[in-house]
Protein backbone atom coordinates (compact mmCIF):
# COMPACT_ATOMS: atom_id res chain seq x y z
CA MET A 1 10.64 -19.38 -38.88
CA ASP A 2 7.30 -17.75 -39.39
CA VAL A 3 6.57 -14.04 -39.67
CA HIS A 4 3.20 -14.07 -37.94
CA LYS A 5 2.49 -10.43 -37.24
CA LYS A 6 2.97 -7.15 -39.08
CA THR A 7 2.47 -3.97 -37.12
CA CYS A 8 2.30 -1.21 -39.70
CA GLY A 9 2.33 2.45 -38.88
CA ARG A 10 2.76 5.32 -41.31
CA ASP A 11 4.84 3.74 -44.09
CA SER A 12 6.63 1.30 -41.82
CA CYS A 13 6.16 -2.38 -41.22
CA VAL A 14 7.52 -4.03 -38.10
CA LYS A 15 8.06 -7.75 -38.67
CA GLN A 16 7.55 -9.75 -35.51
CA ILE A 17 8.94 -13.27 -35.67
CA SER A 18 7.08 -16.25 -34.25
CA SER A 19 8.96 -18.50 -31.86
CA SER A 20 6.61 -21.44 -32.45
CA ARG A 21 7.97 -24.50 -34.25
CA LYS A 22 6.65 -24.79 -37.76
CA LYS A 23 7.97 -26.62 -40.77
CA ASN A 24 9.58 -24.24 -43.19
CA THR A 25 11.81 -25.60 -45.91
CA THR A 26 13.41 -22.18 -46.48
CA VAL A 27 15.02 -22.19 -43.02
CA GLU A 28 18.49 -23.68 -42.81
CA PRO A 29 18.92 -26.31 -40.07
CA VAL A 30 20.63 -25.26 -36.84
CA ASN A 31 23.63 -27.53 -36.42
CA LEU A 32 25.67 -26.12 -33.55
CA CYS A 33 24.50 -25.08 -30.08
CA VAL A 34 26.72 -24.62 -27.04
CA GLY A 35 26.31 -23.61 -23.40
CA LEU A 36 26.06 -19.88 -22.64
CA LYS A 37 27.37 -18.94 -19.21
CA VAL A 38 24.80 -16.65 -17.58
CA PRO A 39 25.79 -14.77 -14.39
CA GLY A 40 23.94 -16.21 -11.42
CA PHE A 41 22.24 -18.97 -13.41
CA LYS A 42 23.08 -22.34 -14.90
CA GLU A 43 24.31 -22.55 -18.48
CA THR A 44 21.62 -22.23 -21.12
CA PRO A 45 21.77 -23.20 -24.83
CA ILE A 46 22.86 -20.71 -27.47
CA CYS A 47 22.98 -21.66 -31.14
CA ILE A 48 25.84 -20.24 -33.17
CA TYR A 49 27.48 -20.15 -36.57
CA ASP A 50 30.34 -22.44 -37.49
CA PRO A 51 33.36 -20.71 -35.88
CA LYS A 52 35.23 -21.21 -39.16
CA ILE A 53 32.99 -18.59 -40.78
CA ASP A 54 32.44 -16.46 -37.66
CA ASN A 55 35.82 -16.02 -35.98
CA TYR A 56 34.65 -13.66 -33.27
CA ILE A 57 31.28 -14.12 -31.53
CA SER A 58 30.64 -17.76 -32.45
CA ALA A 59 34.25 -18.76 -31.95
CA SER A 60 34.32 -17.17 -28.49
CA LEU A 61 31.05 -18.83 -27.49
CA ALA A 62 32.25 -22.22 -28.73
CA ALA A 63 35.54 -21.95 -26.84
CA LYS A 64 34.49 -20.23 -23.62
CA GLY A 65 30.69 -20.00 -23.48
CA LEU A 66 31.10 -16.22 -23.26
CA TRP A 67 31.03 -13.13 -25.42
CA GLU A 68 31.65 -9.68 -23.93
CA GLY A 69 31.45 -11.23 -20.49
CA HIS A 70 32.61 -8.02 -18.81
CA LEU A 71 29.70 -6.10 -20.34
CA VAL A 72 27.15 -8.85 -19.70
CA THR A 73 28.21 -8.69 -16.04
CA VAL A 74 27.49 -4.93 -15.99
CA VAL A 75 24.00 -5.55 -17.39
CA HIS A 76 23.44 -8.31 -14.83
CA LYS A 77 24.42 -6.05 -11.91
CA ILE A 78 22.18 -3.20 -13.03
CA LEU A 79 19.18 -5.47 -13.55
CA SER A 80 19.78 -7.02 -10.12
CA ARG A 81 18.99 -3.67 -8.52
CA GLU A 82 16.18 -2.79 -10.96
CA PRO A 83 13.63 -5.59 -10.38
CA GLU A 84 11.05 -4.47 -12.98
CA MET A 85 13.34 -3.13 -15.67
CA GLU A 86 12.80 -4.39 -19.21
CA PHE A 87 15.42 -4.80 -21.93
CA MET A 88 15.78 -3.87 -25.58
CA ASP A 89 18.51 -5.61 -27.58
CA MET A 90 19.17 -3.53 -30.71
CA GLY A 91 21.37 -5.64 -32.96
CA CYS A 92 20.89 -8.84 -30.98
CA ASN A 93 23.06 -11.03 -33.25
CA VAL A 94 22.79 -14.65 -31.98
CA GLY A 95 21.35 -13.42 -28.69
CA VAL A 96 23.97 -13.33 -25.94
CA TYR A 97 22.30 -10.41 -24.16
CA THR A 98 18.74 -11.43 -25.04
CA ILE A 99 19.18 -14.93 -23.60
CA THR A 100 21.02 -13.66 -20.53
CA VAL A 101 18.26 -11.19 -19.67
CA ALA A 102 15.41 -13.58 -20.55
CA GLN A 103 16.97 -16.13 -18.21
CA ARG A 104 16.28 -13.64 -15.42
CA GLY A 105 12.58 -13.68 -16.34
CA ARG A 106 12.66 -10.18 -17.79
CA LYS A 107 10.80 -8.98 -20.84
CA VAL A 108 13.09 -8.53 -23.86
CA VAL A 109 12.44 -6.92 -27.23
CA ALA A 110 15.22 -8.05 -29.59
CA ILE A 111 15.68 -6.65 -33.08
CA ASP A 112 18.11 -7.61 -35.83
CA ALA A 113 18.42 -7.02 -39.56
CA ASN A 114 19.92 -10.46 -40.25
CA LYS A 115 17.16 -13.05 -40.38
CA ARG A 116 19.58 -15.93 -39.88
CA ASN A 117 20.60 -14.49 -36.51
CA LEU A 118 16.96 -14.64 -35.46
CA GLU A 119 16.58 -18.21 -36.71
CA LEU A 120 19.47 -19.24 -34.48
CA LEU A 121 18.10 -17.23 -31.56
CA ILE A 122 14.63 -18.75 -31.86
CA THR A 123 16.11 -22.22 -31.55
CA SER A 124 18.13 -21.13 -28.51
CA LEU A 125 15.05 -19.72 -26.81
CA GLN A 126 13.06 -22.86 -27.53
CA MET A 127 15.79 -25.10 -26.15
CA GLY A 128 16.09 -22.95 -23.03
CA LYS A 129 12.30 -22.62 -22.59
CA LEU A 130 12.57 -18.83 -22.72
CA THR A 131 10.29 -17.95 -25.63
CA GLN A 132 7.60 -16.45 -23.40
CA ASN A 133 9.92 -13.64 -22.34
CA VAL A 134 11.12 -12.46 -25.75
CA THR A 135 9.69 -10.55 -28.71
CA LEU A 136 11.82 -10.86 -31.86
CA LEU A 137 11.68 -8.25 -34.61
CA TRP A 138 13.24 -8.72 -38.04
CA ASN A 139 14.06 -5.17 -39.10
CA ALA A 140 16.87 -2.71 -39.47
CA LEU A 141 16.74 0.47 -37.38
CA SER A 142 17.17 3.81 -39.09
CA ASP A 143 15.91 7.39 -39.20
CA LYS A 144 13.44 6.58 -41.96
CA VAL A 145 11.57 3.69 -43.50
CA GLU A 146 13.18 2.10 -46.54
CA THR A 147 14.37 -1.19 -47.98
CA MET A 148 18.04 -1.72 -47.12
CA ASN A 149 20.79 -4.16 -48.11
CA LEU A 150 22.81 -6.30 -45.72
CA ARG A 151 26.47 -5.69 -46.43
CA LEU A 152 29.80 -6.90 -45.10
CA ASP A 153 33.14 -5.26 -45.78
CA LEU A 154 35.16 -8.39 -46.51
CA GLY A 155 38.40 -6.42 -46.53
CA ILE A 156 37.91 -5.38 -42.91
CA ALA A 157 35.50 -7.84 -41.35
CA GLU A 158 36.13 -11.14 -43.14
CA LYS A 159 34.76 -14.06 -41.13
CA ASN A 160 33.01 -11.66 -38.75
CA ILE A 161 29.26 -12.01 -39.24
CA GLY A 162 28.80 -9.58 -36.37
CA GLY A 163 30.33 -6.92 -38.63
CA THR A 164 27.34 -7.05 -40.98
CA ARG A 165 25.72 -3.66 -41.47
CA VAL A 166 22.81 -2.25 -43.42
CA GLU A 167 23.07 0.39 -46.10
CA SER A 168 20.88 1.87 -48.79
CA GLY A 169 24.00 2.36 -50.95
CA GLY A 170 27.78 2.19 -50.69
CA THR A 171 30.60 -0.12 -51.74
CA PHE A 172 30.29 -2.96 -49.25
CA SER A 173 29.91 -6.56 -50.44
CA GLU A 174 26.27 -7.56 -50.42
CA ILE A 175 25.30 -10.66 -48.45
CA GLY A 176 22.35 -11.24 -50.76
CA THR A 177 19.32 -10.16 -48.79
CA THR A 178 17.32 -7.05 -48.08
CA VAL A 179 15.51 -5.90 -44.97
CA GLN A 180 12.89 -3.30 -44.12
CA SER A 181 14.04 -0.52 -41.84
CA VAL A 182 11.83 0.96 -39.14
CA THR A 183 12.31 3.78 -36.68
CA LEU A 184 12.37 3.61 -32.90
CA ASP A 185 9.20 5.68 -32.92
CA ASP A 186 7.46 2.75 -34.65
CA LEU A 187 8.30 0.50 -31.66
CA ILE A 188 6.77 2.57 -28.85
CA GLY A 189 3.86 0.14 -28.53
CA HIS A 190 6.16 -2.69 -27.43
CA PHE A 191 6.85 -0.97 -24.10
CA GLY A 192 4.71 -0.01 -21.13
CA LYS A 193 5.20 1.73 -17.81
CA HIS A 194 8.43 0.01 -16.71
CA SER A 195 11.89 1.44 -17.20
CA VAL A 196 14.05 0.09 -20.03
CA PHE A 197 17.72 -0.80 -20.49
CA ILE A 198 18.85 -0.59 -24.12
CA LYS A 199 21.87 -2.37 -25.58
CA ILE A 200 22.69 -1.06 -29.04
CA ASP A 201 25.31 -2.46 -31.40
CA ILE A 202 24.28 -1.91 -35.00
CA GLU A 203 27.56 -1.22 -36.77
CA THR A 204 27.61 2.58 -37.30
CA SER A 205 23.82 2.94 -37.57
CA GLU A 206 23.43 3.90 -33.91
CA TRP A 207 23.13 7.59 -34.69
CA LYS A 208 20.46 6.98 -37.34
CA ALA A 209 18.47 4.84 -34.91
CA LEU A 210 18.50 7.64 -32.35
CA MET A 211 17.47 10.26 -34.91
CA GLY A 212 14.37 8.18 -35.60
CA GLY A 213 13.48 7.98 -31.91
CA LYS A 214 12.50 11.47 -30.73
CA GLN A 215 8.98 10.38 -29.73
CA PHE A 216 10.33 7.09 -28.41
CA PHE A 217 12.57 8.86 -25.91
CA GLU A 218 9.62 10.96 -24.76
CA SER A 219 7.28 8.00 -24.36
CA VAL A 220 9.54 5.20 -23.06
CA HIS A 221 11.32 5.44 -19.70
CA ILE A 222 14.87 4.69 -20.79
CA LYS A 223 17.41 4.68 -17.94
CA TYR A 224 20.50 3.00 -19.41
CA ILE A 225 21.99 2.63 -22.89
CA LEU A 226 24.97 0.35 -23.47
CA MET A 227 26.43 1.41 -26.81
CA GLU A 228 29.34 0.27 -28.91
CA TRP A 229 31.56 3.34 -29.37
CA MET A 230 34.39 1.76 -31.35
CA HIS A 231 33.32 3.20 -34.70
CA TYR A 232 33.01 6.73 -33.31
CA LYS A 233 36.52 6.95 -31.83
CA ASN A 234 37.86 8.04 -35.22
CA ASP A 235 34.72 9.57 -36.59
CA LYS A 236 35.52 11.88 -39.52
CA LEU A 237 31.84 12.51 -40.29
CA CYS A 238 31.04 13.61 -36.73
CA TYR A 239 28.19 11.12 -36.25
CA GLY A 240 29.44 10.66 -32.70
CA ASP A 241 28.64 14.32 -32.12
CA TYR A 242 25.06 13.68 -33.24
CA ILE A 243 24.78 10.91 -30.65
CA ILE A 244 26.30 13.00 -27.88
CA ASN A 245 24.07 15.98 -28.60
CA PHE A 246 20.93 13.84 -28.84
CA LEU A 247 21.53 12.04 -25.56
CA SER A 248 22.94 15.03 -23.67
CA ASP A 249 19.81 17.02 -24.56
CA ARG A 250 17.82 14.22 -22.89
CA SER A 251 19.85 14.25 -19.65
CA PHE A 252 22.11 11.27 -20.34
CA LEU A 253 25.74 11.17 -19.27
CA ALA A 254 28.35 8.76 -20.66
CA TYR A 255 30.38 6.43 -18.42
CA ASP A 256 33.00 3.77 -18.85
CA PRO A 257 31.05 0.56 -18.08
CA GLN A 258 33.98 -0.60 -15.96
CA ASN A 259 34.10 2.66 -13.97
CA MET A 260 30.73 4.25 -13.28
CA ASN A 261 31.94 6.62 -10.58
CA ARG A 262 32.81 9.50 -12.89
CA ALA A 263 31.19 10.63 -16.13
CA LEU A 264 33.30 10.76 -19.28
CA LYS A 265 34.16 14.21 -20.61
CA ILE A 266 32.66 15.10 -23.95
CA LYS A 267 35.83 16.90 -25.04
CA ASP A 268 37.66 13.57 -24.70
CA ARG A 269 35.18 11.54 -26.77
CA TYR A 270 37.81 10.32 -29.24
CA THR A 271 39.55 8.55 -26.35
CA TRP A 272 36.42 7.05 -24.82
CA PRO A 273 36.42 3.25 -24.35
CA THR A 274 35.21 0.85 -27.01
CA ASP A 275 31.83 0.61 -25.27
CA VAL A 276 30.02 3.37 -23.39
CA LEU A 277 27.23 3.22 -20.81
CA TRP A 278 24.82 6.17 -20.99
CA MET A 279 22.89 6.79 -17.77
CA LYS A 280 19.83 8.99 -17.34
CA THR A 281 20.50 11.66 -14.74
CA ALA A 282 17.09 13.34 -14.45
């Protein structure tokens, strides 16, 4: 995998990953690819980890060809009625959402802090002939620019590579690599006049990503945000409140992705579902 472009602004450096095939002895070989079931389309390849070391996402894909199928279906339905909408996959992992949306011919900007995830995703896109639709960025997202460590809490998330998070400190077990963080404001140039659907799942860093995106939300026409809410259901540090205040101030309302007829009540946020769909109302 080749880092072929660095877009630097202020003190940041956005690392865009090439999807062209080049020999690189530092890249581990991709050994396992399965069929991803994409709503409305034929199966397309997705390359995964050995399910023995990734008991959740990779194991589900190997067994069923699906991961979060109920949420992928929601994305599919919204894009079906928004013919020009683009997609941003924040915390793309091995690329379930990125591949699904690219298969529709939509533009996708996918970002992940784990370089191995992107190596697997590049191979998937090449096999599915989808590279022309996707921009891959190897960065963490935060409220400031810094070098961060990839960490995994083995006591809680053993054999769950999707539980990897980034931290500048803390007590989590280090995976052995660092990554440069950027802010959403640094990524404005990747989007144009079309509306954008964001999926964000970055393991408790969602609030930091939003705090670094004040200009981004002014410049980019964001209509939907699908966000993992699991970590904020028992949120002693009140980071969920930061998210609610930030998005409410920008005319977003929260919905259960499986019931978009009535907005969720902020006073009930500790009982919200595991995933929340924010929709722009003005």
